C-alpha atoms as a PDB file:
ATOM      1  CA  MET A   1       1.684  -6.322  13.075  1.00  0.00           C
ATOM      2  CA  GLU A   2       0.528  -5.123   9.681  1.00  0.00           C
ATOM      3  CA  THR A   3      -3.013  -4.698  10.987  1.00  0.00           C
ATOM      4  CA  PHE A   4      -1.717  -2.503  13.819  1.00  0.00           C
ATOM      5  CA  PHE A   5       0.015  -0.189  11.336  1.00  0.00           C
ATOM      6  CA  GLN A   6      -3.099  -0.081   9.154  1.00  0.00           C
ATOM      7  CA  ILE A   7      -5.239   0.988  12.115  1.00  0.00           C
ATOM      8  CA  ILE A   8      -2.737   3.693  13.105  1.00  0.00           C
ATOM      9  CA  TYR A   9      -2.630   4.819   9.459  1.00  0.00           C
ATOM     10  CA  VAL A  10      -6.400   5.274   9.336  1.00  0.00           C
ATOM     11  CA  ILE A  11      -6.433   7.141  12.659  1.00  0.00           C
ATOM     12  CA  VAL A  12      -3.640   9.478  11.508  1.00  0.00           C
ATOM     13  CA  THR A  13      -5.506  10.090   8.246  1.00  0.00           C
ATOM     14  CA  ILE A  14      -8.725  11.033  10.027  1.00  0.00           C
ATOM     15  CA  VAL A  15      -6.988  13.273  12.587  1.00  0.00           C
ATOM     16  CA  MET A  16      -4.937  14.965   9.879  1.00  0.00           C
ATOM     17  CA  SER A  17      -8.095  15.656   7.863  1.00  0.00           C
ATOM     18  CA  ILE A  18      -9.758  17.228  10.883  1.00  0.00           C
ATOM     19  CA  VAL A  19      -6.697  19.348  11.690  1.00  0.00           C
ATOM     20  CA  ILE A  20      -6.494  20.585   8.105  1.00  0.00           C
ATOM     21  CA  LEU A  21     -10.175  21.515   8.140  1.00  0.00           C
ATOM     22  CA  LEU A  22      -9.744  23.413  11.421  1.00  0.00           C
ATOM     23  CA  GLN A  23      -7.112  25.697   9.921  1.00  0.00           C
ATOM     24  CA  SER A  24      -8.269  29.087   8.799  1.00  0.00           C
ATOM     25  CA  GLY A  25      -7.973  29.903   5.139  1.00  0.00           C
ATOM     26  CA  LYS A  26      -5.714  32.648   3.880  1.00  0.00           C
ATOM     27  CA  GLY A  27      -8.521  34.198   1.861  1.00  0.00           C
ATOM     28  CA  GLY A  28     -11.539  36.202   2.966  1.00  0.00           C
ATOM     29  CA  MET A  29     -13.712  33.121   3.577  1.00  0.00           C
ATOM     30  CA  GLY A  30     -12.296  32.616   7.093  1.00  0.00           C
ATOM     31  CA  ALA A  31     -14.806  34.902   8.787  1.00  0.00           C
ATOM     32  CA  ILE A  32     -17.754  33.329   6.984  1.00  0.00           C
ATOM     33  CA  SER A  33     -16.796  29.745   7.868  1.00  0.00           C
ATOM     34  CA  GLY A  34     -16.457  30.604  11.548  1.00  0.00           C
ATOM     35  CA  SER A  35     -12.713  30.163  11.838  1.00  0.00           C
ATOM     36  CA  SER A  36     -12.459  33.376  13.839  1.00  0.00           C
ATOM     37  CA  SER A  37     -14.063  31.602  16.796  1.00  0.00           C
ATOM     38  CA  THR A  38     -11.620  28.659  16.611  1.00  0.00           C
ATOM     39  CA  GLY A  39      -8.729  31.039  17.157  1.00  0.00           C
ATOM     40  CA  SER A  40     -10.052  31.983  20.591  1.00  0.00           C
ATOM     41  CA  VAL A  41      -9.813  28.387  21.784  1.00  0.00           C
ATOM     42  CA  PHE A  42      -6.028  28.306  21.329  1.00  0.00           C
ATOM     43  CA  GLY A  43      -5.370  31.963  22.164  1.00  0.00           C
ATOM     44  CA  GLY A  44      -4.934  34.983  19.938  1.00  0.00           C
ATOM     45  CA  GLY A  45      -2.453  33.788  17.325  1.00  0.00           C
ATOM     46  CA  GLY A  46      -1.465  30.383  18.659  1.00  0.00           C
ATOM     47  CA  ALA A  47      -4.053  28.382  16.747  1.00  0.00           C
ATOM     48  CA  GLY A  48      -2.427  28.880  13.383  1.00  0.00           C
ATOM     49  CA  GLN A  49       1.046  27.922  14.556  1.00  0.00           C
ATOM     50  CA  PHE A  50      -0.188  24.975  16.602  1.00  0.00           C
ATOM     51  CA  LEU A  51      -2.301  23.577  13.778  1.00  0.00           C
ATOM     52  CA  ASN A  52       0.498  24.093  11.241  1.00  0.00           C
ATOM     53  CA  LYS A  53       2.969  22.188  13.410  1.00  0.00           C
ATOM     54  CA  LEU A  54       0.443  19.452  14.123  1.00  0.00           C
ATOM     55  CA  THR A  55      -0.303  19.110  10.411  1.00  0.00           C
ATOM     56  CA  ALA A  56       3.407  18.808   9.614  1.00  0.00           C
ATOM     57  CA  ILE A  57       3.922  16.152  12.297  1.00  0.00           C
ATOM     58  CA  LEU A  58       0.880  14.172  11.172  1.00  0.00           C
ATOM     59  CA  ALA A  59       1.995  14.402   7.532  1.00  0.00           C
ATOM     60  CA  GLY A  60       5.406  13.006   8.492  1.00  0.00           C
ATOM     61  CA  ILE A  61       3.816  10.127  10.391  1.00  0.00           C
ATOM     62  CA  PHE A  62       1.464   9.536   7.434  1.00  0.00           C
ATOM     63  CA  ILE A  63       4.388   9.227   4.998  1.00  0.00           C
ATOM     64  CA  VAL A  64       6.414   6.944   7.278  1.00  0.00           C
ATOM     65  CA  LEU A  65       3.418   4.653   7.812  1.00  0.00           C
ATOM     66  CA  ALA A  66       2.761   4.569   4.057  1.00  0.00           C
ATOM     67  CA  VAL A  67       6.336   3.396   3.430  1.00  0.00           C
ATOM     68  CA  VAL A  68       6.068   0.773   6.199  1.00  0.00           C
ATOM     69  CA  LEU A  69       2.811  -0.581   4.760  1.00  0.00           C
ATOM     70  CA  VAL A  70       4.344  -0.781   1.277  1.00  0.00           C
ATOM     71  CA  GLN A  71       7.227  -2.798   2.726  1.00  0.00           C
ATOM     72  CA  PHE A  72       4.767  -5.190   4.359  1.00  0.00           C
ATOM     73  CA  SER A  73       2.935  -5.688   1.064  1.00  0.00           C
ATOM     74  CA  THR A  74       6.133  -6.310  -0.930  1.00  0.00           C
ATOM     75  CA  ILE A  75       7.361  -8.829   1.627  1.00  0.00           C
ATOM     76  CA  LYS A  76       4.022 -10.644   1.496  1.00  0.00           C
ATOM     77  CA  LYS A  77       3.979 -10.532  -2.314  1.00  0.00           C
ATOM     78  CA  SER A  78       7.537 -11.861  -2.672  1.00  0.00           C
ATOM     79  CA  SER A  79       6.861 -14.712  -0.260  1.00  0.00           C
ATOM     80  CA  LEU A  80       3.725 -15.659  -2.212  1.00  0.00           C
ATOM     81  CA  GLU A  81       5.660 -15.548  -5.483  1.00  0.00           C
ATOM     82  CA  GLY A  82       8.287 -17.842  -3.974  1.00  0.00           C
ATOM     83  CA  ILE A  83       5.638 -20.375  -3.016  1.00  0.00           C
ATOM     84  CA  SER A  84       4.028 -20.291  -6.468  1.00  0.00           C
ATOM     85  CA  ALA A  85       7.445 -20.539  -8.136  1.00  0.00           C
ATOM     86  CA  LYS A  86       8.219 -23.685  -6.136  1.00  0.00           C
ATOM     87  CA  LYS A  87       4.863 -25.198  -7.103  1.00  0.00           C
ATOM     88  CA  SER A  88       5.287 -24.365 -10.781  1.00  0.00           C
ATOM     89  CA  SER A  89       8.843 -25.720 -10.889  1.00  0.00           C
ATOM     90  CA  ALA A  90       7.660 -28.959  -9.269  1.00  0.00           C
ATOM     91  CA  THR A  91       4.860 -29.249 -11.835  1.00  0.00           C
ATOM     92  CA  THR A  92       7.289 -28.551 -14.681  1.00  0.00           C
ATOM     93  CA  THR A  93       9.702 -31.182 -13.363  1.00  0.00           C
ATOM     94  CA  GLU A  94       6.918 -33.772 -13.195  1.00  0.00           C
ATOM     95  CA  ALA A  95       5.819 -32.955 -16.727  1.00  0.00           C
ATOM     96  CA  LEU A  96       9.371 -33.296 -18.018  1.00  0.00           C
ATOM     97  CA  LYS A  97       9.744 -36.672 -16.323  1.00  0.00           C
ATOM     98  CA  LYS A  98       6.511 -37.894 -17.936  1.00  0.00           C
ATOM     99  CA  ASP A  99       7.694 -36.687 -21.356  1.00  0.00           C
ATOM    100  CA  ALA A 100      11.053 -38.399 -20.859  1.00  0.00           C
ATOM    101  CA  GLN A 101       9.324 -41.721 -20.191  1.00  0.00           C
ATOM    102  CA  LYS A 102       7.382 -41.630 -23.474  1.00  0.00           C
ATOM    103  CA  PRO A 103       8.995 -43.504 -26.361  1.00  0.00           C
ATOM    104  CA  VAL A 104      10.566 -41.297 -28.990  1.00  0.00           C
ATOM    105  CA  GLU A 105       8.975 -41.620 -32.394  1.00  0.00           C
ATOM    106  CA  ASN A 106      11.308 -41.831 -35.319  1.00  0.00           C
ATOM    107  CA  LYS A 107      10.756 -40.265 -38.712  1.00  0.00           C
ATOM    108  CA  LYS A 108       9.305 -43.438 -40.272  1.00  0.00           C
ATOM    109  CA  ASP A 109       6.636 -43.756 -37.575  1.00  0.00           C
ATOM    110  CA  ILE A 110       5.576 -40.136 -38.093  1.00  0.00           C
ATOM    111  CA  GLU A 111       5.313 -40.641 -41.869  1.00  0.00           C
ATOM    112  CA  LYS A 112       3.147 -43.736 -41.355  1.00  0.00           C
ATOM    113  CA  LYS A 113       0.735 -41.795 -39.121  1.00  0.00           C
ATOM    114  CA  GLU A 114       0.402 -39.031 -41.693  1.00  0.00           C
ATOM    115  CA  ASN A 115      -0.526 -41.447 -44.441  1.00  0.00           C
END
């Protein structure tokens, strides 16, 4: 399921980039870049409105997919942390049991070892 959302995310990103590049600039560079010819494809003034709406829709989808993918990653991360926490607690418990089985040295035994 996560892979499906990742593929859709990439497709939306590519399409949104293309739509943004198709829009004419507000400056004087529009005629040089050839954006005057793209307006004739969609009609006289419809290209700007259509591309603006499409960009807004794609941006909304982009944000929603980003949030969904973050949720997938946090769920995966928390489940992995739970597994590692169980393993580490089991290891700690085993170590404590081994330490509990060792005989306790008293103060005299420690002093003898130091000498």
